[in-house]
C-alpha cells in the first residue's frame, strides 16, 4: 500500500507543465513596459537641461582641442606658400602686362618677313606671349642641330626678350605623329626635347639668363592640325617660345641687373665647347 502511494506521487511529479509559457510571456510584457517608460521619459526631457548638457560637452571638447593645438602647432619657417589668384597677379603687375603687350608688338614687327611666309606666328595673351616657329625654320628634317638660318631668328628674339630680364621663358618642342627610331632619338619625345634644349642653349649663349630658361618636349601629343595631311604635319612640327608674366611662373627668376648681349666671339666659344 505504501509502495503504491509513492509510485502515484512520482507519476504526478513527472507529468508535463503546460503553463510554463506564462513565465516567458510575463518577462516579455515587463521588458516592453520598461521600454515604453524609457521612451516616455525621453520624450519629456527638459529642453533646458539638454541645452546645458550640450553646451558643457562642447566647452569641454573645445578646451581639449585648444590644448592639443597649442602643443602640436609647428613653428613656421620661411614664407607660407600662397595660392595664385587673379588679384595677386594683377597687384603691382600692371606695368608688366603693358610690357608684355609691347614685347608682343616688337616681336611681330621684327618677325614680319617670317610671319608673311607662314613660318612664325605670334600670339599675345594677357599674361604671356607665344611665338610659334616652324621646325623647318630652325632644324633640318629629323635633326636637333640648329640650321644656319636659326641664328637670325633666335638672335632677334633674344634681343627683345632681354628687355624683361626677370620673366621666365619656356621653349616647347613639338613633332608630327610620324614615328622616329634612331639611336639618338628612339621616339618623338626625345626629338622634341632635344630641339627645345638646342634652342635653350642658343638663347643662353645669346645673353638670356639661364635661370629663366626651360626646355620641354611634348612629342606628337599636342597637335594643332590634322596629322593625316602633309600640311597638317608641317604645322605640327614646331618650336614654341612662351614668355610668361612673373606671377604666373612656378619658379621666380633672380637676376642681378639687366641681361647683356653676348659678344659673337664668346658665343662661338660657348658653342665650340
Protein backbone atom coordinates (compact mmCIF):
# COMPACT_ATOMS: atom_id res chain seq x y z
CA UNK A 1 0.00 0.00 0.00
CA UNK A 2 2.77 2.33 0.83
CA UNK A 3 4.63 1.40 -2.30
CA UNK A 4 1.58 2.21 -4.45
CA UNK A 5 1.28 5.72 -2.95
CA UNK A 6 4.90 6.53 -3.66
CA UNK A 7 4.53 5.37 -7.22
CA UNK A 8 1.46 7.56 -7.74
CA UNK A 9 3.21 10.67 -6.37
CA UNK A 10 6.19 10.04 -8.62
CA UNK A 11 3.94 9.82 -11.66
CA UNK A 12 2.38 13.21 -10.80
CA UNK A 13 5.77 14.90 -10.43
CA UNK A 14 6.91 13.55 -13.79
CA UNK A 15 3.93 14.99 -15.63
CA UNK A 16 4.13 17.90 -18.20
CA UNK A 17 3.65 21.54 -17.06
CA UNK A 18 1.56 23.24 -19.79
CA UNK A 19 1.62 26.68 -18.13
CA UNK A 20 5.37 27.41 -18.46
CA UNK A 21 4.79 29.84 -21.37
CA UNK A 22 3.25 32.25 -18.89
CA UNK A 23 6.67 32.87 -17.37
CA UNK A 24 8.24 33.90 -20.69
CA UNK A 25 5.20 35.96 -21.56
CA UNK A 26 5.35 37.82 -18.28
CA UNK A 27 9.06 38.59 -18.82
CA UNK A 28 8.35 39.94 -22.31
CA UNK A 29 5.50 42.16 -21.04
CA UNK A 30 7.76 43.51 -18.29
CA UNK A 31 10.53 44.41 -20.75
CA UNK A 32 8.03 46.00 -23.13
CA UNK A 33 6.61 48.07 -20.29
CA UNK A 34 10.10 49.22 -19.28
CA UNK A 35 10.87 50.18 -22.90
CA UNK A 36 7.78 52.39 -23.18
CA UNK A 37 8.54 54.00 -19.83
CA UNK A 38 12.02 54.94 -21.06
CA UNK A 39 10.62 56.28 -24.33
CA UNK A 40 8.10 58.38 -22.46
CA UNK A 41 10.78 59.75 -20.17
CA UNK A 42 12.96 60.73 -23.14
CA UNK A 43 10.06 62.43 -24.89
CA UNK A 44 9.53 64.64 -21.85
CA UNK A 45 13.20 65.57 -21.44
CA UNK A 46 13.59 69.19 -20.50
CA UNK A 47 14.95 71.26 -23.39
CA UNK A 48 16.77 73.50 -20.96
CA UNK A 49 18.62 70.60 -19.33
CA UNK A 50 19.53 69.20 -22.75
CA UNK A 51 20.92 72.58 -23.83
CA UNK A 52 23.02 72.85 -20.69
CA UNK A 53 24.40 69.37 -21.27
CA UNK A 54 25.23 70.10 -24.90
CA UNK A 55 27.00 73.38 -24.03
CA UNK A 56 29.02 71.68 -21.32
CA UNK A 57 30.19 68.95 -23.67
CA UNK A 58 31.03 71.46 -26.40
CA UNK A 59 33.08 73.55 -23.98
CA UNK A 60 34.98 70.50 -22.74
CA UNK A 61 35.86 69.31 -26.22
CA UNK A 62 36.88 72.81 -27.29
CA UNK A 63 39.26 73.20 -24.37
CA UNK A 64 40.79 69.83 -25.15
CA UNK A 65 41.22 70.79 -28.82
CA UNK A 66 42.89 74.10 -27.89
CA UNK A 67 45.34 72.28 -25.67
CA UNK A 68 46.25 69.87 -28.45
CA UNK A 69 46.76 72.71 -30.92
CA UNK A 70 48.98 74.59 -28.51
CA UNK A 71 51.18 71.55 -28.13
CA UNK A 72 51.36 70.31 -31.72
CA UNK A 73 51.24 73.58 -33.67
CA UNK A 74 54.51 73.59 -35.70
CA UNK A 75 56.82 76.56 -35.97
CA UNK A 76 56.54 78.10 -39.46
CA UNK A 77 59.93 78.50 -41.12
CA UNK A 78 60.10 80.70 -44.19
CA UNK A 79 57.27 82.21 -46.17
CA UNK A 80 53.90 80.47 -46.11
CA UNK A 81 53.02 79.31 -49.65
CA UNK A 82 50.14 81.22 -51.13
CA UNK A 83 47.86 80.31 -53.96
CA UNK A 84 47.94 82.40 -57.10
CA UNK A 85 44.78 84.43 -57.56
CA UNK A 86 43.78 87.00 -60.13
CA UNK A 87 44.16 89.82 -57.61
CA UNK A 88 47.70 88.73 -56.69
CA UNK A 89 48.65 88.53 -60.36
CA UNK A 90 47.32 91.99 -61.08
CA UNK A 91 48.74 93.52 -57.91
CA UNK A 92 51.77 95.55 -58.89
CA UNK A 93 51.83 93.86 -62.32
CA UNK A 94 50.04 96.39 -64.48
CA UNK A 95 53.31 97.70 -65.89
CA UNK A 96 54.44 94.16 -66.60
CA UNK A 97 51.26 93.40 -68.55
CA UNK A 98 51.76 96.54 -70.60
CA UNK A 99 55.35 95.50 -71.23
CA UNK A 100 54.25 92.05 -72.39
CA UNK A 101 51.94 93.67 -74.92
CA UNK A 102 54.78 95.90 -76.08
CA UNK A 103 57.09 92.90 -76.42
CA UNK A 104 54.47 91.09 -78.50
CA UNK A 105 54.23 94.05 -80.86
CA UNK A 106 58.02 94.24 -81.20
CA UNK A 107 58.27 90.54 -81.99
CA UNK A 108 55.55 90.83 -84.61
CA UNK A 109 57.46 93.73 -86.17
CA UNK A 110 60.86 92.03 -86.39
CA UNK A 111 59.33 88.68 -87.39
CA UNK A 112 57.12 90.20 -90.08
CA UNK A 113 59.01 88.57 -93.02
CA UNK A 114 58.70 85.13 -91.41
CA UNK A 115 55.07 85.77 -90.46
CA UNK A 116 54.28 86.63 -94.09
CA UNK A 117 55.80 83.30 -95.17
CA UNK A 118 53.74 81.44 -92.53
CA UNK A 119 56.90 80.33 -90.72
CA UNK A 120 56.26 82.25 -87.49
CA UNK A 121 53.09 83.08 -85.58
CA UNK A 122 52.85 85.44 -82.60
CA UNK A 123 50.03 85.39 -80.07
CA UNK A 124 49.61 87.78 -77.16
CA UNK A 125 47.61 86.63 -74.16
CA UNK A 126 47.10 88.67 -71.06
CA UNK A 127 49.82 87.01 -69.01
CA UNK A 128 52.14 85.57 -71.65
CA UNK A 129 53.39 85.90 -75.22
CA UNK A 130 53.61 82.88 -77.52
CA UNK A 131 55.98 82.73 -80.51
CA UNK A 132 55.40 79.65 -82.66
CA UNK A 133 58.13 78.77 -85.16
CA UNK A 134 58.05 76.03 -87.80
CA UNK A 135 60.72 73.43 -87.15
CA UNK A 136 61.92 73.76 -90.75
CA UNK A 137 62.93 77.34 -89.95
CA UNK A 138 65.36 76.15 -87.27
CA UNK A 139 66.23 72.49 -87.90
CA UNK A 140 66.90 70.09 -90.77
CA UNK A 141 64.46 67.21 -91.01
CA UNK A 142 64.91 64.61 -88.26
CA UNK A 143 67.71 66.59 -86.60
CA UNK A 144 68.11 68.53 -83.37
CA UNK A 145 71.11 70.53 -84.60
CA UNK A 146 70.23 74.13 -85.36
CA UNK A 147 70.46 75.08 -89.01
CA UNK A 148 72.28 78.03 -90.47
CA UNK A 149 69.17 80.21 -90.50
CA UNK A 150 68.37 79.73 -86.84
CA UNK A 151 70.76 82.40 -85.52
CA UNK A 152 68.99 85.18 -87.38
CA UNK A 153 65.64 84.25 -85.84
CA UNK A 154 66.79 83.45 -82.32
CA UNK A 155 69.13 86.45 -82.19
CA UNK A 156 66.25 88.84 -82.86
CA UNK A 157 64.07 87.13 -80.28
CA UNK A 158 66.83 87.20 -77.66
CA UNK A 159 67.39 90.91 -78.19
CA UNK A 160 63.74 91.63 -77.46
CA UNK A 161 63.30 89.13 -74.61
CA UNK A 162 66.27 90.68 -72.77
CA UNK A 163 64.08 93.72 -72.13
CA UNK A 164 62.23 91.67 -69.45
CA UNK A 165 65.12 90.06 -67.53
CA UNK A 166 63.02 88.62 -64.68
CA UNK A 167 60.39 86.83 -66.77
CA UNK A 168 60.60 83.07 -67.38
CA UNK A 169 60.99 81.74 -70.92
CA UNK A 170 59.81 78.23 -71.78
CA UNK A 171 60.79 76.54 -75.04
CA UNK A 172 58.44 73.78 -76.20
CA UNK A 173 59.30 71.17 -78.81
CA UNK A 174 56.54 69.52 -80.87
CA UNK A 175 56.56 66.94 -83.67
CA UNK A 176 54.10 65.26 -86.00
CA UNK A 177 52.95 61.69 -85.47
CA UNK A 178 55.41 60.09 -87.90
CA UNK A 179 57.48 57.67 -85.77
CA UNK A 180 61.23 58.05 -85.48
CA UNK A 181 63.54 55.24 -84.40
CA UNK A 182 67.21 56.16 -84.30
CA UNK A 183 69.93 55.51 -81.70
CA UNK A 184 69.78 59.15 -80.64
CA UNK A 185 66.01 59.61 -80.92
CA UNK A 186 64.10 56.44 -80.00
CA UNK A 187 60.83 58.38 -80.20
CA UNK A 188 59.41 61.80 -80.95
CA UNK A 189 59.71 62.69 -77.28
CA UNK A 190 63.49 62.64 -77.47
CA UNK A 191 63.50 64.57 -80.73
CA UNK A 192 61.16 67.30 -79.47
CA UNK A 193 63.02 67.61 -76.16
CA UNK A 194 66.40 67.77 -77.90
CA UNK A 195 65.18 70.52 -80.23
CA UNK A 196 63.83 72.53 -77.32
CA UNK A 197 67.14 72.10 -75.49
CA UNK A 198 69.10 73.25 -78.55
CA UNK A 199 67.07 76.45 -78.71
CA UNK A 200 67.53 76.99 -74.96
CA UNK A 201 71.31 76.64 -75.28
CA UNK A 202 71.41 79.09 -78.16
CA UNK A 203 69.31 81.66 -76.29
CA UNK A 204 71.57 81.28 -73.24
CA UNK A 205 74.61 81.82 -75.48
CA UNK A 206 72.96 84.97 -76.79
CA UNK A 207 72.67 86.50 -73.33
CA UNK A 208 69.41 85.19 -71.84
CA UNK A 209 69.96 84.33 -68.17
CA UNK A 210 69.95 80.56 -67.75
CA UNK A 211 67.64 80.53 -64.69
CA UNK A 212 64.94 82.00 -66.91
CA UNK A 213 65.04 79.18 -69.44
CA UNK A 214 63.28 75.82 -69.54
CA UNK A 215 63.05 73.18 -72.27
CA UNK A 216 60.01 70.92 -72.65
CA UNK A 217 59.46 68.11 -75.16
CA UNK A 218 55.82 67.30 -75.93
CA UNK A 219 56.44 64.91 -78.80
CA UNK A 220 53.44 64.34 -81.05
CA UNK A 221 50.79 64.66 -78.34
CA UNK A 222 49.71 68.30 -78.70
CA UNK A 223 48.96 68.79 -82.39
CA UNK A 224 47.46 71.99 -83.76
CA UNK A 225 46.42 70.43 -87.07
CA UNK A 226 45.38 67.11 -88.56
CA UNK A 227 48.33 64.75 -88.98
CA UNK A 228 46.62 62.92 -91.85
CA UNK A 229 47.73 65.57 -94.37
CA UNK A 230 51.22 66.87 -95.24
CA UNK A 231 50.09 70.42 -94.49
CA UNK A 232 48.85 69.40 -91.05
CA UNK A 233 52.04 67.52 -90.21
CA UNK A 234 54.06 70.54 -91.28
CA UNK A 235 52.10 72.75 -88.87
CA UNK A 236 52.57 70.30 -86.02
CA UNK A 237 56.35 70.23 -86.40
CA UNK A 238 57.09 73.38 -84.44
CA UNK A 239 59.08 75.03 -81.67
CA UNK A 240 57.21 77.39 -79.35
CA UNK A 241 58.67 80.10 -77.12
CA UNK A 242 56.48 81.25 -74.22
CA UNK A 243 57.39 84.44 -72.34
CA UNK A 244 55.43 84.48 -69.08
CA UNK A 245 54.46 87.05 -66.51
CA UNK A 246 56.45 86.63 -63.29
CA UNK A 247 53.47 85.77 -61.08
CA UNK A 248 52.38 83.02 -63.47
CA UNK A 249 55.69 81.17 -63.15
CA UNK A 250 56.30 78.23 -60.83
CA UNK A 251 59.85 79.41 -60.07
CA UNK A 252 60.76 83.03 -59.57
CA UNK A 253 63.79 84.23 -61.51
CA UNK A 254 66.51 86.05 -59.58
CA UNK A 255 68.70 88.23 -61.76
CA UNK A 256 71.30 90.82 -60.91
CA UNK A 257 70.63 93.78 -63.13
CA UNK A 258 69.69 93.64 -66.78
CA UNK A 259 70.86 90.97 -69.16
CA UNK A 260 73.53 91.85 -71.68
CA UNK A 261 74.13 90.66 -75.17
CA UNK A 262 76.99 88.20 -75.52
CA UNK A 263 79.76 89.13 -78.00
CA UNK A 264 79.93 86.98 -81.10
CA UNK A 265 83.34 85.52 -80.22
CA UNK A 266 82.10 84.49 -76.75
CA UNK A 267 79.07 82.84 -78.29
CA UNK A 268 81.26 80.96 -80.74
CA UNK A 269 83.48 79.69 -77.94
CA UNK A 270 80.42 78.57 -75.98
CA UNK A 271 79.09 76.66 -78.99
CA UNK A 272 82.52 75.07 -79.56
CA UNK A 273 82.50 73.65 -76.03
